[in-house]
Amino acid sequence: MIKSLTGPLARKRAALNKEDTGFTLIELLVVVIIIGILAAIAIPIFLSQQNQAKNSAAQSDLGNAKVAYVSYLVDTPAGASVAVATALTPYGFAATTGVTVTIKTGGTSFCIDAVSSAPAPNAFSITNAGGVVKAACP
């Protein structure tokens, strides 16, 4: 009786053990190498996109600072030198984190600088008569 129960049970265990195979070491190494290659391609592209985003934020801040500074000049015709963080806040300007904005005035004209925090800092400027350029104020 016991032999009649253990025989089919042993055959079932043997069949299960034959189908229960895992990945070989070579297959696992190939997958790890493929993931490494994909990461080596993707990470520099991702970092480049971050730097471009920081530069775009600086350029956008320049446009916003120009509009806010012109609004400030409408309220304060003397055009005194202004601290960006404090005086332009009521006019809708808030600098993006990682961007430094400074305003240089001279007579009836002004120039606004912005420096992004990208690894190689990029300086941008905007004047009262022009748009954003990739250079510091003269």
N, C-alpha and C. Protein backbone atom coordinates (compact mmCIF):
# COMPACT_ATOMS: atom_id res chain seq x y z
N MET A 1 0.83 -1.19 0.00
CA MET A 1 0.00 0.00 0.00
C MET A 1 0.88 1.26 0.00
N ILE A 2 1.92 1.22 0.83
CA ILE A 2 2.79 2.39 0.89
C ILE A 2 3.53 2.55 -0.42
N LYS A 3 3.94 1.45 -1.04
CA LYS A 3 4.63 1.53 -2.32
C LYS A 3 3.71 2.12 -3.39
N SER A 4 2.45 1.83 -3.33
CA SER A 4 1.52 2.36 -4.33
C SER A 4 1.32 3.88 -4.16
N LEU A 5 1.54 4.39 -2.95
CA LEU A 5 1.43 5.84 -2.73
C LEU A 5 2.75 6.56 -3.01
N THR A 6 3.85 5.97 -2.63
CA THR A 6 5.14 6.65 -2.78
C THR A 6 5.63 6.64 -4.21
N GLY A 7 5.27 5.66 -5.00
CA GLY A 7 5.72 5.59 -6.40
C GLY A 7 5.24 6.78 -7.21
N PRO A 8 3.92 7.03 -7.27
CA PRO A 8 3.43 8.19 -8.03
C PRO A 8 3.92 9.52 -7.44
N LEU A 9 4.07 9.57 -6.12
CA LEU A 9 4.56 10.79 -5.48
C LEU A 9 5.99 11.07 -5.90
N ALA A 10 6.82 10.05 -5.98
CA ALA A 10 8.21 10.21 -6.39
C ALA A 10 8.28 10.66 -7.84
N ARG A 11 7.40 10.09 -8.70
CA ARG A 11 7.40 10.49 -10.11
C ARG A 11 6.97 11.96 -10.26
N LYS A 12 6.01 12.37 -9.45
CA LYS A 12 5.55 13.77 -9.50
C LYS A 12 6.65 14.73 -9.06
N ARG A 13 7.40 14.37 -8.00
CA ARG A 13 8.52 15.20 -7.53
C ARG A 13 9.59 15.29 -8.60
N ALA A 14 9.88 14.21 -9.25
CA ALA A 14 10.91 14.21 -10.29
C ALA A 14 10.48 15.10 -11.46
N ALA A 15 9.20 15.05 -11.83
CA ALA A 15 8.71 15.89 -12.92
C ALA A 15 8.78 17.37 -12.54
N LEU A 16 8.45 17.70 -11.30
CA LEU A 16 8.52 19.09 -10.86
C LEU A 16 9.96 19.59 -10.83
N ASN A 17 10.87 18.75 -10.42
CA ASN A 17 12.28 19.15 -10.34
C ASN A 17 12.86 19.39 -11.73
N LYS A 18 12.41 18.66 -12.74
CA LYS A 18 12.91 18.86 -14.09
C LYS A 18 12.46 20.21 -14.66
N GLU A 19 11.26 20.64 -14.36
CA GLU A 19 10.73 21.90 -14.89
C GLU A 19 11.20 23.11 -14.08
N ASP A 20 11.68 22.92 -12.90
CA ASP A 20 12.06 24.01 -12.00
C ASP A 20 13.52 24.38 -12.21
N THR A 21 13.80 25.01 -13.35
CA THR A 21 15.16 25.46 -13.61
C THR A 21 15.18 26.98 -13.55
N GLY A 22 16.27 27.56 -13.08
CA GLY A 22 16.39 29.01 -12.96
C GLY A 22 17.25 29.57 -14.07
N PHE A 23 17.62 30.84 -13.93
CA PHE A 23 18.50 31.47 -14.89
C PHE A 23 19.93 31.04 -14.65
N THR A 24 20.69 30.95 -15.72
CA THR A 24 22.10 30.63 -15.56
C THR A 24 22.86 31.89 -15.22
N LEU A 25 24.07 31.72 -14.78
CA LEU A 25 24.92 32.85 -14.41
C LEU A 25 25.21 33.72 -15.64
N ILE A 26 25.39 33.12 -16.77
CA ILE A 26 25.66 33.87 -18.01
C ILE A 26 24.45 34.73 -18.39
N GLU A 27 23.25 34.20 -18.27
CA GLU A 27 22.05 34.97 -18.58
C GLU A 27 21.92 36.18 -17.65
N LEU A 28 22.19 35.99 -16.38
CA LEU A 28 22.13 37.10 -15.43
C LEU A 28 23.19 38.15 -15.73
N LEU A 29 24.40 37.72 -16.09
CA LEU A 29 25.47 38.67 -16.42
C LEU A 29 25.12 39.48 -17.67
N VAL A 30 24.52 38.84 -18.66
CA VAL A 30 24.12 39.55 -19.88
C VAL A 30 23.10 40.63 -19.56
N VAL A 31 22.13 40.31 -18.72
CA VAL A 31 21.11 41.29 -18.34
C VAL A 31 21.74 42.46 -17.58
N VAL A 32 22.66 42.18 -16.67
CA VAL A 32 23.32 43.25 -15.91
C VAL A 32 24.14 44.13 -16.84
N ILE A 33 24.81 43.53 -17.82
CA ILE A 33 25.61 44.32 -18.76
C ILE A 33 24.71 45.20 -19.62
N ILE A 34 23.58 44.69 -20.06
CA ILE A 34 22.66 45.48 -20.87
C ILE A 34 22.11 46.65 -20.06
N ILE A 35 21.76 46.42 -18.81
CA ILE A 35 21.27 47.52 -17.95
C ILE A 35 22.37 48.55 -17.75
N GLY A 36 23.61 48.11 -17.58
CA GLY A 36 24.74 49.04 -17.42
C GLY A 36 24.94 49.89 -18.66
N ILE A 37 24.83 49.30 -19.83
CA ILE A 37 25.00 50.06 -21.07
C ILE A 37 23.89 51.09 -21.22
N LEU A 38 22.66 50.70 -20.93
CA LEU A 38 21.54 51.65 -21.02
C LEU A 38 21.69 52.80 -20.04
N ALA A 39 22.17 52.50 -18.84
CA ALA A 39 22.38 53.56 -17.84
C ALA A 39 23.50 54.49 -18.29
N ALA A 40 24.55 53.94 -18.89
CA ALA A 40 25.67 54.77 -19.35
C ALA A 40 25.23 55.71 -20.47
N ILE A 41 24.24 55.32 -21.23
CA ILE A 41 23.71 56.18 -22.30
C ILE A 41 22.74 57.21 -21.73
N ALA A 42 21.89 56.80 -20.80
CA ALA A 42 20.80 57.65 -20.35
C ALA A 42 21.23 58.72 -19.35
N ILE A 43 22.15 58.42 -18.46
CA ILE A 43 22.51 59.37 -17.39
C ILE A 43 23.10 60.66 -17.94
N PRO A 44 24.07 60.63 -18.87
CA PRO A 44 24.58 61.92 -19.39
C PRO A 44 23.51 62.74 -20.11
N ILE A 45 22.61 62.07 -20.81
CA ILE A 45 21.53 62.79 -21.50
C ILE A 45 20.63 63.46 -20.47
N PHE A 46 20.32 62.75 -19.38
CA PHE A 46 19.49 63.32 -18.33
C PHE A 46 20.16 64.53 -17.68
N LEU A 47 21.46 64.44 -17.40
CA LEU A 47 22.17 65.56 -16.78
C LEU A 47 22.23 66.75 -17.71
N SER A 48 22.37 66.51 -19.00
CA SER A 48 22.38 67.60 -19.97
C SER A 48 21.03 68.31 -19.98
N GLN A 49 19.96 67.55 -19.89
CA GLN A 49 18.63 68.15 -19.87
C GLN A 49 18.43 69.01 -18.63
N GLN A 50 19.00 68.59 -17.50
CA GLN A 50 18.89 69.39 -16.28
C GLN A 50 19.61 70.73 -16.46
N ASN A 51 20.80 70.71 -17.07
CA ASN A 51 21.54 71.95 -17.27
C ASN A 51 20.79 72.88 -18.21
N GLN A 52 20.19 72.34 -19.26
CA GLN A 52 19.41 73.17 -20.17
C GLN A 52 18.20 73.77 -19.46
N ALA A 53 17.61 73.02 -18.56
CA ALA A 53 16.46 73.53 -17.80
C ALA A 53 16.88 74.68 -16.88
N LYS A 54 18.06 74.57 -16.27
CA LYS A 54 18.55 75.64 -15.41
C LYS A 54 18.81 76.91 -16.22
N ASN A 55 19.38 76.75 -17.42
CA ASN A 55 19.62 77.91 -18.28
C ASN A 55 18.30 78.53 -18.75
N SER A 56 17.33 77.70 -19.06
CA SER A 56 16.02 78.22 -19.47
C SER A 56 15.34 78.96 -18.33
N ALA A 57 15.53 78.47 -17.11
CA ALA A 57 14.96 79.16 -15.94
C ALA A 57 15.58 80.54 -15.78
N ALA A 58 16.89 80.65 -16.01
CA ALA A 58 17.56 81.95 -15.90
C ALA A 58 17.04 82.91 -16.97
N GLN A 59 16.85 82.40 -18.19
CA GLN A 59 16.34 83.26 -19.27
C GLN A 59 14.91 83.69 -18.99
N SER A 60 14.11 82.80 -18.46
CA SER A 60 12.73 83.14 -18.12
C SER A 60 12.69 84.17 -17.00
N ASP A 61 13.57 84.00 -16.01
CA ASP A 61 13.63 84.97 -14.92
C ASP A 61 14.00 86.36 -15.42
N LEU A 62 14.85 86.42 -16.45
CA LEU A 62 15.22 87.72 -17.00
C LEU A 62 14.00 88.43 -17.60
N GLY A 63 13.21 87.70 -18.34
CA GLY A 63 12.00 88.31 -18.91
C GLY A 63 11.05 88.78 -17.83
N ASN A 64 10.87 87.97 -16.81
CA ASN A 64 9.98 88.35 -15.70
C ASN A 64 10.55 89.54 -14.93
N ALA A 65 11.87 89.56 -14.73
CA ALA A 65 12.49 90.67 -13.99
C ALA A 65 12.37 91.97 -14.78
N LYS A 66 12.48 91.88 -16.11
CA LYS A 66 12.35 93.09 -16.93
C LYS A 66 10.95 93.68 -16.81
N VAL A 67 9.93 92.83 -16.90
CA VAL A 67 8.55 93.31 -16.77
C VAL A 67 8.32 93.90 -15.38
N ALA A 68 8.82 93.22 -14.35
CA ALA A 68 8.64 93.72 -12.99
C ALA A 68 9.40 95.03 -12.77
N TYR A 69 10.61 95.14 -13.35
CA TYR A 69 11.40 96.36 -13.16
C TYR A 69 10.76 97.55 -13.89
N VAL A 70 10.20 97.30 -15.08
CA VAL A 70 9.51 98.37 -15.78
C VAL A 70 8.29 98.81 -14.98
N SER A 71 7.58 97.88 -14.40
CA SER A 71 6.44 98.24 -13.53
C SER A 71 6.92 99.04 -12.33
N TYR A 72 8.08 98.65 -11.78
CA TYR A 72 8.66 99.39 -10.66
C TYR A 72 9.00 100.82 -11.09
N LEU A 73 9.55 100.98 -12.29
CA LEU A 73 9.91 102.31 -12.77
C LEU A 73 8.68 103.19 -13.01
N VAL A 74 7.57 102.56 -13.38
CA VAL A 74 6.34 103.33 -13.55
C VAL A 74 5.90 103.89 -12.21
N ASP A 75 6.02 103.11 -11.14
CA ASP A 75 5.64 103.57 -9.80
C ASP A 75 6.70 104.49 -9.20
N THR A 76 7.97 104.27 -9.54
CA THR A 76 9.07 105.06 -8.99
C THR A 76 9.86 105.67 -10.14
N PRO A 77 9.45 106.81 -10.66
CA PRO A 77 10.10 107.38 -11.84
C PRO A 77 11.58 107.71 -11.64
N ALA A 78 12.01 107.91 -10.42
CA ALA A 78 13.41 108.24 -10.19
C ALA A 78 14.32 107.10 -10.64
N GLY A 79 13.83 105.89 -10.64
CA GLY A 79 14.61 104.74 -11.11
C GLY A 79 15.79 104.42 -10.23
N ALA A 80 15.60 104.58 -8.95
CA ALA A 80 16.70 104.30 -8.03
C ALA A 80 17.08 102.83 -8.11
N SER A 81 18.27 102.56 -7.67
CA SER A 81 18.73 101.17 -7.67
C SER A 81 17.82 100.35 -6.77
N VAL A 82 17.57 99.12 -7.15
CA VAL A 82 16.57 98.32 -6.48
C VAL A 82 17.19 96.99 -6.06
N ALA A 83 16.81 96.53 -4.88
CA ALA A 83 17.20 95.19 -4.44
C ALA A 83 16.18 94.22 -5.02
N VAL A 84 16.62 93.34 -5.85
CA VAL A 84 15.71 92.48 -6.61
C VAL A 84 14.75 91.71 -5.72
N ALA A 85 15.25 91.08 -4.70
CA ALA A 85 14.41 90.19 -3.89
C ALA A 85 13.30 90.94 -3.18
N THR A 86 13.57 92.15 -2.75
CA THR A 86 12.58 92.85 -1.95
C THR A 86 11.68 93.76 -2.76
N ALA A 87 12.26 94.60 -3.61
CA ALA A 87 11.47 95.63 -4.28
C ALA A 87 10.64 95.10 -5.45
N LEU A 88 11.08 94.03 -6.11
CA LEU A 88 10.34 93.54 -7.27
C LEU A 88 9.30 92.47 -6.92
N THR A 89 9.31 92.01 -5.69
CA THR A 89 8.34 91.00 -5.27
C THR A 89 6.90 91.50 -5.41
N PRO A 90 6.57 92.72 -5.02
CA PRO A 90 5.19 93.19 -5.20
C PRO A 90 4.77 93.31 -6.67
N TYR A 91 5.74 93.32 -7.58
CA TYR A 91 5.44 93.45 -9.00
C TYR A 91 5.42 92.09 -9.71
N GLY A 92 5.40 91.02 -8.95
CA GLY A 92 5.23 89.68 -9.51
C GLY A 92 6.50 88.94 -9.83
N PHE A 93 7.66 89.41 -9.36
CA PHE A 93 8.91 88.71 -9.67
C PHE A 93 9.37 87.90 -8.48
N ALA A 94 9.67 86.64 -8.74
CA ALA A 94 10.29 85.77 -7.74
C ALA A 94 11.33 84.94 -8.47
N ALA A 95 12.58 85.09 -8.10
CA ALA A 95 13.66 84.38 -8.79
C ALA A 95 13.57 82.88 -8.54
N THR A 96 13.89 82.12 -9.56
CA THR A 96 13.93 80.67 -9.46
C THR A 96 15.11 80.27 -8.58
N THR A 97 14.96 79.17 -7.86
CA THR A 97 16.06 78.68 -7.04
C THR A 97 17.24 78.34 -7.93
N GLY A 98 18.42 78.81 -7.55
CA GLY A 98 19.62 78.54 -8.32
C GLY A 98 19.94 79.60 -9.35
N VAL A 99 19.14 80.66 -9.42
CA VAL A 99 19.38 81.73 -10.38
C VAL A 99 19.62 83.02 -9.62
N THR A 100 20.72 83.70 -9.93
CA THR A 100 21.05 84.97 -9.31
C THR A 100 20.77 86.09 -10.31
N VAL A 101 19.95 87.06 -9.90
CA VAL A 101 19.57 88.16 -10.78
C VAL A 101 20.06 89.46 -10.18
N THR A 102 20.73 90.30 -11.00
CA THR A 102 21.17 91.62 -10.55
C THR A 102 20.77 92.65 -11.60
N ILE A 103 20.47 93.86 -11.13
CA ILE A 103 20.04 94.94 -12.02
C ILE A 103 21.09 96.04 -11.99
N LYS A 104 21.49 96.49 -13.19
CA LYS A 104 22.45 97.58 -13.31
C LYS A 104 21.76 98.71 -14.05
N THR A 105 21.71 99.87 -13.42
CA THR A 105 21.03 101.01 -14.04
C THR A 105 22.05 102.07 -14.41
N GLY A 106 21.71 102.82 -15.42
CA GLY A 106 22.57 103.93 -15.84
C GLY A 106 21.75 104.92 -16.64
N GLY A 107 21.36 105.99 -16.04
CA GLY A 107 20.54 106.99 -16.73
C GLY A 107 19.16 106.44 -17.03
N THR A 108 18.77 106.49 -18.30
CA THR A 108 17.45 106.01 -18.68
C THR A 108 17.46 104.55 -19.11
N SER A 109 18.63 103.94 -19.14
CA SER A 109 18.70 102.54 -19.57
C SER A 109 19.04 101.64 -18.39
N PHE A 110 18.74 100.38 -18.56
CA PHE A 110 19.09 99.40 -17.53
C PHE A 110 19.48 98.08 -18.20
N CYS A 111 20.20 97.29 -17.47
CA CYS A 111 20.60 95.96 -17.92
C CYS A 111 20.43 95.02 -16.73
N ILE A 112 19.85 93.86 -16.98
CA ILE A 112 19.62 92.89 -15.91
C ILE A 112 20.40 91.63 -16.23
N ASP A 113 21.19 91.16 -15.27
CA ASP A 113 21.99 89.94 -15.41
C ASP A 113 21.31 88.79 -14.69
N ALA A 114 21.51 87.59 -15.20
CA ALA A 114 21.09 86.37 -14.51
C ALA A 114 22.16 85.32 -14.75
N VAL A 115 22.50 84.60 -13.70
CA VAL A 115 23.49 83.52 -13.79
C VAL A 115 22.81 82.25 -13.33
N SER A 116 22.82 81.23 -14.19
CA SER A 116 22.21 79.95 -13.82
C SER A 116 23.20 79.13 -13.01
N SER A 117 22.69 78.16 -12.27
CA SER A 117 23.55 77.34 -11.43
C SER A 117 23.96 76.04 -12.12
N ALA A 118 23.95 76.03 -13.45
CA ALA A 118 24.44 74.87 -14.19
C ALA A 118 25.92 74.69 -13.86
N PRO A 119 26.48 73.47 -13.99
CA PRO A 119 27.87 73.23 -13.60
C PRO A 119 28.86 74.24 -14.16
N ALA A 120 28.73 74.60 -15.42
CA ALA A 120 29.53 75.69 -15.96
C ALA A 120 28.58 76.88 -16.01
N PRO A 121 28.63 77.75 -15.00
CA PRO A 121 27.62 78.81 -14.92
C PRO A 121 27.54 79.62 -16.21
N ASN A 122 26.34 79.84 -16.62
CA ASN A 122 26.09 80.60 -17.84
C ASN A 122 25.46 81.92 -17.46
N ALA A 123 26.01 83.00 -18.01
CA ALA A 123 25.50 84.33 -17.73
C ALA A 123 24.61 84.78 -18.89
N PHE A 124 23.48 85.35 -18.56
CA PHE A 124 22.55 85.89 -19.54
C PHE A 124 22.22 87.31 -19.13
N SER A 125 21.81 88.13 -20.09
CA SER A 125 21.42 89.50 -19.76
C SER A 125 20.29 89.95 -20.67
N ILE A 126 19.61 90.99 -20.21
CA ILE A 126 18.54 91.61 -20.98
C ILE A 126 18.61 93.11 -20.72
N THR A 127 18.37 93.89 -21.76
CA THR A 127 18.41 95.35 -21.62
C THR A 127 17.02 95.92 -21.82
N ASN A 128 16.89 97.22 -21.57
CA ASN A 128 15.60 97.86 -21.75
C ASN A 128 15.20 97.90 -23.22
N ALA A 129 16.16 97.79 -24.13
CA ALA A 129 15.85 97.90 -25.55
C ALA A 129 15.96 96.57 -26.30
N GLY A 130 16.33 95.51 -25.62
CA GLY A 130 16.54 94.26 -26.33
C GLY A 130 16.01 93.04 -25.57
N GLY A 131 16.28 91.90 -26.16
CA GLY A 131 15.87 90.64 -25.55
C GLY A 131 17.01 89.97 -24.81
N VAL A 132 16.80 88.70 -24.48
CA VAL A 132 17.79 87.94 -23.73
C VAL A 132 18.95 87.56 -24.63
N VAL A 133 20.18 87.80 -24.15
CA VAL A 133 21.39 87.38 -24.85
C VAL A 133 22.27 86.59 -23.89
N LYS A 134 23.10 85.72 -24.45
CA LYS A 134 23.98 84.90 -23.61
C LYS A 134 25.30 85.63 -23.42
N ALA A 135 25.27 86.59 -22.54
CA ALA A 135 26.45 87.38 -22.17
C ALA A 135 26.08 88.25 -20.98
N ALA A 136 27.06 88.59 -20.20
CA ALA A 136 26.80 89.48 -19.06
C ALA A 136 26.61 90.90 -19.55
N CYS A 137 26.06 91.73 -18.70
CA CYS A 137 25.87 93.13 -19.04
C CYS A 137 27.23 93.78 -19.26
N PRO A 138 27.30 94.71 -20.23
CA PRO A 138 28.59 95.37 -20.48
C PRO A 138 28.95 96.32 -19.35
